[in-house]
Amino acid sequence: MTSAIAKQLIDSVVQQQASWAAARTAAVEEKFQRVLGAFIAERVGAHHFTSFTGYGHGDQSRDVVDRVFARVLGAEAAAVRMQFVSGTHAITAALFGVLRPGDRLLSITGRPYDTLEEVIGLRGCGQGSLADFGVEYDEVALTADGTVDRNGLSWALASPCRVVLIQRSCGYSWRPSLPVKEIGDLCELIHTRQPDCICFVDNCYGELVQDCEPPEVGADLVAGSLIKNLGGTITPTGGYVAGRADLVEQACCRLTAPGIGREGGANFNLQRLVLQGLFLAPQMVTESLIGANLVAGVFERLGFSVQPRPNTARSDLIQAVCLGSPEALQEVCRAFQACSPVGSYLNPIPAAMPGYASDLVMAGGTFINGSTSEFSADAPLREPFNLFVQGGTHRSHIRLALGEALTALDGAGLINLLQIESI
C-alpha cells in the first residue's frame, strides 16, 4: 500500500503543476480539431471499417486510412500498415527503400536508438544490414549538452549524402528531444547545402505532442509505430511512413515488393481500431504528457536528476530519471508492474531483448503487448541506470503507480521519505 508520506508528496507536486497541466489540457482542442478535420475531409464512414482479404488490391478503406493519416501528419502521402511489426520495422523499410549501394547515411543526432544499430550494421554481421548492402554510415556526435552539433553537421555535409537521419526522441540517451521547429531549421540547413538529400525523421513518441509535425517544416519522410502516440492505446499493431509520395512508395516497395508498393497488403479488418485510436490520440498523448511531467516533478523533489525537467516544454512523451543503481531500477519497475491492469503479479527481471545490446528491465502490464502509449517503463541495465517512463491512459494511473514506487524505494532503503522537507 502507498504510504501516507508518498501520497502527500505526490499531491503536493500535482498542485504545483496544476497550471502546466491545465495548459496542456486546453491544447487538446486544437490537436483534436486537426484529427477531426482529417476524418471529415476524407468522408470517413462505417463502410471503411472493413478491408479486403488476400492481396488487398484496390482496398478503398486502406487508402482512406492512408489519406487521413497524411492529413494529420501534414504529409503529401502516408502508408499505414499492419504488416509493420514495429516502429523499427517501418524505419527500416524506409531506409532500405530510399538508399542504394554506395549511398551515404548520416545520423545527426548521435548514435541511433539501439534497435537500429543492427539495421545499419553497427552491431552484428551477415544479417542483411545496410552495411552488408554497401551503404556507408556516418554520424555527428551530439554536443556536451545533448544538442545537435551545427559545426559538426556543416563539416559532415561537405561530402555527398543521400539520407540524413534525425531521431526526434531521446530514445535511451540522456538528451533533450528535438522540437519540431528545430527539425525544420535543420532540414532547411541540409536542403540548402544538398537540395537532393532526404531528411528522414524517426518520429516515434513525438506525434501530436507539438502544434505541427516534421513534414510540415521540411522533413521529406517520417516513420513511426501505431502502438505509440497515434494508436491512441487501442490500435493492436502496425506502423506508418509518411512524407513525399515518391519516398513513401519506395518504402512500401521494400515492405511488399517492387511493382506492388503501397497497392498491396490487407489490413485484416482493423481499420476501425486504427481510425478510432487516431481519434483518441490527442487526449491520450496529453494524459501521457501530464503524467510524464508528474514523474519528473516527484523524482526531482526526491533529489534525482530528470530529463526533461518538470514544467518545461516537451517534444516527446519520454521522461528519463537517473536512478543511479540497478536496485532502484528494479524496485521502480517492479512497483509499476504491480500497479498494471495486466500481469500485475509478474516480477520484471533484466533479460535480453531482440535488437538491444544490453539486458533490459521492463514494466509493461499493457493490454497490447509492447504498447508504450499505455503506461510503461523500461531501462537498459547499464550505467548510470536511467529509467525511461512513457505513456499512460490517465494521469490518475500514473499517480497510483508513483505512490507504489516511492513506497517500494523507501522500504528498500533507497530513499528516505521521512527526510523529505515538510510539504
Protein backbone atom coordinates (compact mmCIF):
# COMPACT_ATOMS: atom_id res chain seq x y z
CA MET A 1 0.00 0.00 0.00
CA THR A 2 1.15 3.53 -0.78
CA SER A 3 2.45 5.29 2.31
CA ALA A 4 0.78 8.49 3.51
CA ILE A 5 4.04 10.43 3.06
CA ALA A 6 4.38 9.27 -0.56
CA LYS A 7 0.80 10.28 -1.31
CA GLN A 8 1.35 13.67 0.35
CA LEU A 9 4.46 14.28 -1.75
CA ILE A 10 2.68 13.35 -4.98
CA ASP A 11 -0.33 15.54 -4.12
CA SER A 12 2.00 18.47 -3.46
CA VAL A 13 3.67 18.10 -6.86
CA VAL A 14 0.28 17.78 -8.58
CA GLN A 15 -0.80 21.09 -7.04
CA GLN A 16 2.47 22.72 -8.06
CA GLN A 17 1.97 21.55 -11.65
CA ALA A 18 -1.72 22.43 -11.89
CA SER A 19 -1.30 25.40 -14.23
CA TRP A 20 1.04 23.44 -16.54
CA ALA A 21 -1.42 20.54 -16.68
CA ALA A 22 -4.32 22.92 -17.36
CA ALA A 23 -2.44 24.46 -20.29
CA ARG A 24 -1.78 21.02 -21.80
CA THR A 25 -5.42 20.05 -21.36
CA ALA A 26 -6.55 23.25 -23.08
CA ALA A 27 -4.24 22.48 -26.02
CA VAL A 28 -6.07 19.21 -26.73
CA GLU A 29 -8.82 21.03 -28.61
CA GLU A 30 -6.52 22.31 -31.36
CA LYS A 31 -4.98 18.88 -31.92
CA PHE A 32 -8.39 17.24 -31.80
CA GLN A 33 -9.61 19.69 -34.44
CA ARG A 34 -6.72 18.64 -36.69
CA VAL A 35 -7.66 14.97 -36.35
CA LEU A 36 -11.40 15.53 -36.65
CA GLY A 37 -10.87 17.74 -39.69
CA ALA A 38 -8.96 14.93 -41.42
CA PHE A 39 -11.83 12.48 -40.79
CA ILE A 40 -14.38 14.94 -42.13
CA ALA A 41 -12.31 15.90 -45.17
CA GLU A 42 -11.89 12.26 -46.18
CA ARG A 43 -15.58 11.46 -45.57
CA VAL A 44 -14.85 8.52 -43.27
CA GLY A 45 -17.86 6.20 -42.99
CA ALA A 46 -18.72 2.92 -41.32
CA HIS A 47 -18.06 1.14 -44.61
CA HIS A 48 -14.37 1.99 -44.16
CA PHE A 49 -14.12 -0.28 -41.09
CA THR A 50 -13.70 -3.45 -43.16
CA SER A 51 -10.92 -4.39 -45.53
CA PHE A 52 -10.23 -6.65 -48.46
CA THR A 53 -8.62 -10.04 -47.94
CA GLY A 54 -5.83 -11.66 -49.92
CA TYR A 55 -3.73 -9.25 -51.94
CA GLY A 56 -5.72 -6.23 -50.78
CA HIS A 57 -5.61 -4.70 -54.26
CA GLY A 58 -7.93 -1.72 -54.66
CA ASP A 59 -8.84 -1.55 -50.95
CA GLN A 60 -10.51 1.86 -50.66
CA SER A 61 -10.74 1.56 -46.86
CA ARG A 62 -6.97 1.18 -46.61
CA ASP A 63 -6.50 4.16 -48.91
CA VAL A 64 -8.82 6.33 -46.80
CA VAL A 65 -6.83 5.48 -43.67
CA ASP A 66 -3.65 6.48 -45.51
CA ARG A 67 -5.13 9.83 -46.53
CA VAL A 68 -6.44 10.58 -43.03
CA PHE A 69 -3.00 9.95 -41.53
CA ALA A 70 -1.33 12.02 -44.24
CA ARG A 71 -3.55 15.00 -43.35
CA VAL A 72 -2.87 14.65 -39.62
CA LEU A 73 0.88 14.45 -40.24
CA GLY A 74 0.91 17.28 -42.79
CA ALA A 75 2.36 14.95 -45.42
CA GLU A 76 1.80 14.50 -49.14
CA ALA A 77 1.15 10.78 -48.64
CA ALA A 78 1.18 8.10 -45.96
CA ALA A 79 1.11 4.33 -45.74
CA VAL A 80 -0.41 2.84 -42.58
CA ARG A 81 0.19 -0.89 -42.49
CA MET A 82 -0.43 -3.72 -40.06
CA GLN A 83 2.47 -5.54 -41.73
CA PHE A 84 4.90 -3.17 -39.98
CA VAL A 85 5.67 -5.10 -36.80
CA SER A 86 7.19 -2.11 -35.01
CA GLY A 87 8.46 1.42 -35.44
CA THR A 88 11.91 -0.03 -36.09
CA HIS A 89 10.45 -2.09 -38.95
CA ALA A 90 8.79 0.98 -40.52
CA ILE A 91 12.04 2.95 -40.21
CA THR A 92 13.99 0.04 -41.69
CA ALA A 93 11.65 -0.24 -44.68
CA ALA A 94 12.05 3.48 -45.29
CA LEU A 95 15.86 3.34 -45.11
CA PHE A 96 16.16 0.29 -47.36
CA GLY A 97 13.56 1.78 -49.68
CA VAL A 98 15.40 5.02 -50.41
CA LEU A 99 19.08 4.00 -50.00
CA ARG A 100 21.15 2.21 -52.65
CA PRO A 101 24.61 0.60 -52.60
CA GLY A 102 27.26 3.31 -52.41
CA ASP A 103 24.88 5.85 -50.80
CA ARG A 104 25.77 7.58 -47.56
CA LEU A 105 23.52 7.68 -44.49
CA LEU A 106 24.29 10.39 -41.93
CA SER A 107 22.81 10.44 -38.41
CA ILE A 108 22.97 13.95 -36.96
CA THR A 109 21.50 13.13 -33.54
CA GLY A 110 24.36 10.91 -32.44
CA ARG A 111 24.09 7.15 -32.19
CA PRO A 112 20.59 5.99 -33.23
CA TYR A 113 18.24 4.01 -30.99
CA ASP A 114 19.57 0.58 -30.02
CA THR A 115 17.28 -1.42 -32.33
CA LEU A 116 18.63 0.43 -35.39
CA GLU A 117 22.26 -0.49 -34.72
CA GLU A 118 21.92 -3.92 -36.33
CA VAL A 119 19.82 -2.46 -39.16
CA ILE A 120 22.64 -0.06 -40.01
CA GLY A 121 25.38 -2.61 -39.38
CA LEU A 122 26.93 -1.16 -36.24
CA ARG A 123 26.40 -4.49 -34.46
CA GLY A 124 26.07 -8.00 -35.83
CA CYS A 125 27.02 -9.18 -39.28
CA GLY A 126 25.69 -11.22 -42.13
CA GLN A 127 22.02 -10.45 -41.46
CA GLY A 128 21.46 -8.15 -44.42
CA SER A 129 22.17 -4.79 -42.78
CA LEU A 130 22.62 -1.58 -44.72
CA ALA A 131 26.37 -2.05 -44.38
CA ASP A 132 26.08 -5.52 -45.92
CA PHE A 133 24.44 -3.86 -48.94
CA GLY A 134 27.22 -1.29 -49.31
CA VAL A 135 25.60 1.73 -47.65
CA GLU A 136 28.11 3.99 -45.96
CA TYR A 137 27.25 5.30 -42.49
CA ASP A 138 28.48 8.35 -40.59
CA GLU A 139 27.20 10.15 -37.52
CA VAL A 140 27.58 13.55 -35.95
CA ALA A 141 28.00 13.27 -32.20
CA LEU A 142 25.82 15.47 -30.03
CA THR A 143 27.34 18.35 -28.11
CA ALA A 144 28.07 18.09 -24.39
CA ASP A 145 24.60 19.46 -23.60
CA GLY A 146 22.91 16.92 -25.85
CA THR A 147 22.05 19.18 -28.77
CA VAL A 148 22.82 18.85 -32.48
CA ASP A 149 26.36 19.98 -33.31
CA ARG A 150 25.78 22.54 -36.07
CA ASN A 151 29.52 22.88 -36.80
CA GLY A 152 29.89 19.12 -37.00
CA LEU A 153 26.88 18.94 -39.29
CA SER A 154 28.32 21.58 -41.60
CA TRP A 155 31.55 19.61 -41.85
CA ALA A 156 29.70 16.34 -42.46
CA LEU A 157 27.68 17.90 -45.29
CA ALA A 158 30.89 18.65 -47.18
CA SER A 159 30.56 15.12 -48.60
CA PRO A 160 27.52 13.97 -50.62
CA CYS A 161 24.79 12.41 -48.52
CA ARG A 162 21.68 10.57 -49.69
CA VAL A 163 19.81 10.47 -46.35
CA VAL A 164 20.14 12.42 -43.12
CA LEU A 165 18.58 10.58 -40.16
CA ILE A 166 17.09 12.74 -37.41
CA GLN A 167 15.88 10.96 -34.28
CA ARG A 168 13.23 13.20 -32.74
CA SER A 169 13.02 11.36 -29.42
CA CYS A 170 15.80 10.93 -26.90
CA GLY A 171 15.49 7.13 -27.09
CA TYR A 172 17.79 5.67 -24.43
CA SER A 173 20.03 8.76 -24.47
CA TRP A 174 20.21 11.43 -21.80
CA ARG A 175 19.44 14.39 -24.02
CA PRO A 176 16.62 16.79 -24.87
CA SER A 177 14.26 15.58 -27.56
CA LEU A 178 14.14 17.71 -30.70
CA PRO A 179 11.34 20.29 -31.08
CA VAL A 180 9.67 20.36 -34.48
CA LYS A 181 10.89 23.91 -35.09
CA GLU A 182 14.49 22.80 -34.66
CA ILE A 183 13.88 19.88 -37.02
CA GLY A 184 12.62 22.43 -39.55
CA ASP A 185 15.73 24.58 -39.11
CA LEU A 186 17.96 21.53 -39.61
CA CYS A 187 16.06 20.46 -42.73
CA GLU A 188 16.44 23.95 -44.19
CA LEU A 189 20.18 23.93 -43.50
CA ILE A 190 20.58 20.47 -45.05
CA HIS A 191 18.48 21.24 -48.13
CA THR A 192 20.37 24.48 -48.68
CA ARG A 193 23.66 22.60 -48.75
CA GLN A 194 22.39 19.48 -50.54
CA PRO A 195 18.99 20.00 -52.18
CA ASP A 196 18.59 16.33 -53.16
CA CYS A 197 19.40 14.97 -49.72
CA ILE A 198 16.46 13.24 -47.98
CA CYS A 199 15.72 14.46 -44.46
CA PHE A 200 14.28 11.43 -42.68
CA VAL A 201 12.80 11.73 -39.17
CA ASP A 202 12.29 8.89 -36.72
CA ASN A 203 9.01 10.31 -35.40
CA CYS A 204 8.39 7.75 -32.62
CA TYR A 205 6.95 9.21 -29.40
CA GLY A 206 6.64 12.69 -30.91
CA GLU A 207 3.34 12.69 -32.81
CA LEU A 208 0.71 15.20 -31.63
CA VAL A 209 2.95 16.49 -28.84
CA GLN A 210 3.52 19.86 -30.53
CA ASP A 211 1.47 22.07 -32.81
CA CYS A 212 2.82 20.71 -36.10
CA GLU A 213 4.62 17.68 -37.49
CA PRO A 214 8.03 17.32 -39.22
CA PRO A 215 6.66 17.01 -42.80
CA GLU A 216 5.15 20.48 -42.39
CA VAL A 217 8.57 22.05 -41.72
CA GLY A 218 10.67 20.37 -44.41
CA ALA A 219 11.15 16.72 -43.46
CA ASP A 220 10.94 14.57 -46.59
CA LEU A 221 9.99 11.33 -44.84
CA VAL A 222 8.92 10.24 -41.35
CA ALA A 223 8.11 6.88 -39.81
CA GLY A 224 6.71 5.57 -36.56
CA SER A 225 4.73 2.97 -34.64
CA LEU A 226 0.98 2.60 -34.15
CA ILE A 227 1.38 1.22 -30.62
CA LYS A 228 2.79 4.57 -29.60
CA ASN A 229 1.15 8.01 -29.87
CA LEU A 230 -1.04 7.72 -32.95
CA GLY A 231 -2.57 4.40 -31.89
CA GLY A 232 -4.39 6.07 -29.01
CA THR A 233 -3.72 2.97 -26.83
CA ILE A 234 -6.14 0.75 -28.79
CA THR A 235 -4.56 0.06 -32.20
CA PRO A 236 -3.28 -3.52 -31.82
CA THR A 237 -0.22 -3.41 -34.09
CA GLY A 238 1.33 -1.68 -37.08
CA GLY A 239 3.35 1.31 -38.18
CA TYR A 240 3.40 4.07 -40.75
CA VAL A 241 5.57 6.00 -43.16
CA ALA A 242 4.61 9.47 -44.39
CA GLY A 243 6.06 12.29 -46.42
CA ARG A 244 6.77 12.80 -50.09
CA ALA A 245 4.64 10.45 -52.18
CA ASP A 246 7.59 9.05 -54.15
CA LEU A 247 9.52 8.23 -50.99
CA VAL A 248 6.51 6.62 -49.32
CA GLU A 249 6.13 4.43 -52.40
CA GLN A 250 9.79 3.42 -52.24
CA ALA A 251 9.41 2.45 -48.58
CA CYS A 252 6.35 0.37 -49.44
CA CYS A 253 8.23 -1.34 -52.26
CA ARG A 254 10.62 -2.55 -49.57
CA LEU A 255 7.74 -3.67 -47.34
CA THR A 256 5.99 -5.57 -50.16
CA ALA A 257 7.84 -5.83 -53.48
CA PRO A 258 8.88 -3.57 -56.36
CA GLY A 259 5.90 -3.12 -58.63
CA ILE A 260 3.43 -3.73 -55.79
CA GLY A 261 4.40 -0.99 -53.33
CA ARG A 262 1.53 0.52 -51.40
CA GLU A 263 -1.12 -1.11 -53.62
CA GLY A 264 -0.86 -4.45 -51.83
CA GLY A 265 -1.49 -5.68 -48.30
CA ALA A 266 -4.67 -6.49 -46.38
CA ASN A 267 -5.33 -4.70 -43.09
CA PHE A 268 -7.25 -7.61 -41.53
CA ASN A 269 -10.41 -5.60 -40.75
CA LEU A 270 -8.50 -3.48 -38.22
CA GLN A 271 -9.34 -0.12 -39.80
CA ARG A 272 -11.92 0.74 -37.15
CA LEU A 273 -9.39 0.35 -34.36
CA VAL A 274 -6.75 2.24 -36.33
CA LEU A 275 -9.13 5.14 -37.00
CA GLN A 276 -10.62 5.13 -33.52
CA GLY A 277 -7.15 5.04 -31.99
CA LEU A 278 -6.13 8.07 -34.05
CA PHE A 279 -9.33 9.84 -32.97
CA LEU A 280 -8.45 9.22 -29.30
CA ALA A 281 -4.76 10.04 -29.72
CA PRO A 282 -4.83 13.79 -28.87
CA GLN A 283 -6.36 13.05 -25.45
CA MET A 284 -4.15 10.04 -24.77
CA VAL A 285 -0.99 11.95 -25.70
CA THR A 286 -1.97 14.78 -23.37
CA GLU A 287 -2.58 12.41 -20.45
CA SER A 288 0.84 10.89 -21.09
CA LEU A 289 2.49 14.30 -21.11
CA ILE A 290 0.85 15.33 -17.84
CA GLY A 291 1.89 12.01 -16.31
CA ALA A 292 5.47 12.37 -17.54
CA ASN A 293 5.65 15.85 -16.04
CA LEU A 294 4.42 14.44 -12.73
CA VAL A 295 7.09 11.73 -12.79
CA ALA A 296 9.71 14.43 -13.38
CA GLY A 297 8.43 16.61 -10.57
CA VAL A 298 8.22 13.83 -8.00
CA PHE A 299 11.66 12.37 -8.66
CA GLU A 300 13.29 15.79 -8.86
CA ARG A 301 11.76 16.62 -5.48
CA LEU A 302 13.49 13.50 -4.16
CA GLY A 303 16.86 14.70 -5.49
CA PHE A 304 17.13 12.62 -8.67
CA SER A 305 18.24 14.13 -11.98
CA VAL A 306 15.48 14.13 -14.60
CA GLN A 307 15.30 14.85 -18.34
CA PRO A 308 13.37 16.94 -19.21
CA ARG A 309 12.86 18.95 -16.06
CA PRO A 310 9.30 19.50 -14.80
CA ASN A 311 7.10 22.26 -16.23
CA THR A 312 9.30 22.77 -19.28
CA ALA A 313 8.48 22.41 -22.98
CA ARG A 314 8.28 18.83 -24.26
CA SER A 315 8.62 17.40 -27.74
CA ASP A 316 8.01 13.72 -26.99
CA LEU A 317 6.39 11.51 -24.33
CA ILE A 318 9.52 10.11 -22.73
CA GLN A 319 10.58 11.02 -19.19
CA ALA A 320 14.06 9.96 -18.12
CA VAL A 321 15.07 9.60 -14.48
CA CYS A 322 18.64 8.89 -13.39
CA LEU A 323 18.16 6.40 -10.55
CA GLY A 324 21.84 5.60 -10.17
CA SER A 325 21.65 1.90 -9.32
CA PRO A 326 20.27 -1.34 -10.75
CA GLU A 327 18.48 -1.97 -7.45
CA ALA A 328 16.50 1.27 -7.76
CA LEU A 329 15.65 0.49 -11.40
CA GLN A 330 14.26 -2.89 -10.50
CA GLU A 331 12.31 -1.59 -7.49
CA VAL A 332 10.56 1.07 -9.58
CA CYS A 333 9.83 -1.31 -12.46
CA ARG A 334 8.51 -3.90 -10.02
CA ALA A 335 6.21 -1.32 -8.42
CA PHE A 336 4.95 -0.05 -11.78
CA GLN A 337 4.27 -3.63 -12.92
CA ALA A 338 2.37 -4.34 -9.70
CA CYS A 339 0.16 -1.34 -10.49
CA SER A 340 -0.61 -2.58 -14.02
CA PRO A 341 -4.00 -3.90 -15.17
CA VAL A 342 -2.39 -6.87 -16.93
CA GLY A 343 0.22 -9.12 -15.34
CA SER A 344 0.37 -7.24 -12.05
CA TYR A 345 1.59 -10.45 -10.38
CA LEU A 346 4.72 -10.63 -12.53
CA ASN A 347 8.18 -9.62 -11.35
CA PRO A 348 10.19 -7.80 -14.06
CA ILE A 349 13.76 -9.06 -14.23
CA PRO A 350 16.57 -7.94 -16.54
CA ALA A 351 16.77 -10.04 -19.69
CA ALA A 352 17.99 -9.95 -23.27
CA MET A 353 15.62 -8.43 -25.82
CA PRO A 354 15.81 -8.76 -29.64
CA GLY A 355 17.63 -5.79 -31.14
CA TYR A 356 19.18 -4.47 -27.93
CA ALA A 357 22.84 -4.63 -26.90
CA SER A 358 22.15 -4.54 -23.15
CA ASP A 359 19.81 -6.54 -20.97
CA LEU A 360 16.57 -4.63 -20.35
CA VAL A 361 14.26 -4.43 -17.39
CA MET A 362 10.72 -3.57 -18.49
CA ALA A 363 7.48 -2.86 -16.69
CA GLY A 364 4.67 -3.09 -19.19
CA GLY A 365 1.43 -4.58 -17.94
CA THR A 366 -0.35 -3.38 -21.05
CA PHE A 367 -3.36 -4.66 -22.96
CA ILE A 368 -1.34 -4.55 -26.20
CA ASN A 369 1.98 -6.34 -25.99
CA GLY A 370 4.81 -3.81 -26.04
CA SER A 371 2.48 -0.82 -26.19
CA THR A 372 4.26 2.27 -24.93
CA SER A 373 1.24 4.50 -25.39
CA GLU A 374 -0.09 2.70 -22.34
CA PHE A 375 1.78 3.36 -19.09
CA SER A 376 5.13 1.59 -19.07
CA ALA A 377 8.74 1.97 -18.01
CA ASP A 378 11.95 0.34 -19.15
CA ALA A 379 15.68 0.70 -18.91
CA PRO A 380 18.86 -0.81 -20.30
CA LEU A 381 20.80 -2.34 -17.43
CA ARG A 382 23.86 -0.14 -17.82
CA GLU A 383 25.34 2.84 -16.04
CA PRO A 384 24.17 5.39 -15.00
CA PHE A 385 20.96 3.32 -14.71
CA ASN A 386 18.49 5.71 -16.26
CA LEU A 387 14.80 4.80 -16.20
CA PHE A 388 12.62 5.78 -19.16
CA VAL A 389 8.91 6.24 -18.45
CA GLN A 390 6.28 6.79 -21.14
CA GLY A 391 2.61 6.56 -21.95
CA GLY A 392 -0.47 6.42 -19.75
CA THR A 393 -4.17 6.47 -20.48
CA HIS A 394 -4.90 8.66 -17.46
CA ARG A 395 -2.88 10.74 -15.04
CA SER A 396 -4.58 9.00 -12.11
CA HIS A 397 -2.98 5.70 -13.06
CA ILE A 398 0.45 7.32 -13.06
CA ARG A 399 -0.21 8.88 -9.65
CA LEU A 400 -1.09 5.47 -8.22
CA ALA A 401 1.98 3.83 -9.75
CA LEU A 402 4.25 6.58 -8.47
CA GLY A 403 2.91 6.08 -4.96
CA GLU A 404 3.74 2.38 -5.12
CA ALA A 405 7.21 3.13 -6.50
CA LEU A 406 8.10 5.64 -3.77
CA THR A 407 6.85 3.29 -1.07
CA ALA A 408 8.93 0.46 -2.54
CA LEU A 409 12.08 2.59 -2.76
CA ASP A 410 11.58 3.73 0.81
CA GLY A 411 11.02 0.16 2.02
CA ALA A 412 14.22 -0.96 0.29
CA GLY A 413 16.21 1.82 1.95
CA LEU A 414 16.99 3.50 -1.38
CA ILE A 415 15.23 6.72 -0.38
CA ASN A 416 14.06 8.05 2.97
CA LEU A 417 10.64 9.65 2.76
CA LEU A 418 10.87 10.77 6.39
CA GLN A 419 13.75 13.09 5.49
CA ILE A 420 11.70 14.99 2.90
CA GLU A 421 11.12 18.56 3.96
CA SER A 422 7.69 19.45 5.23
CA ILE A 423 5.26 19.68 2.31
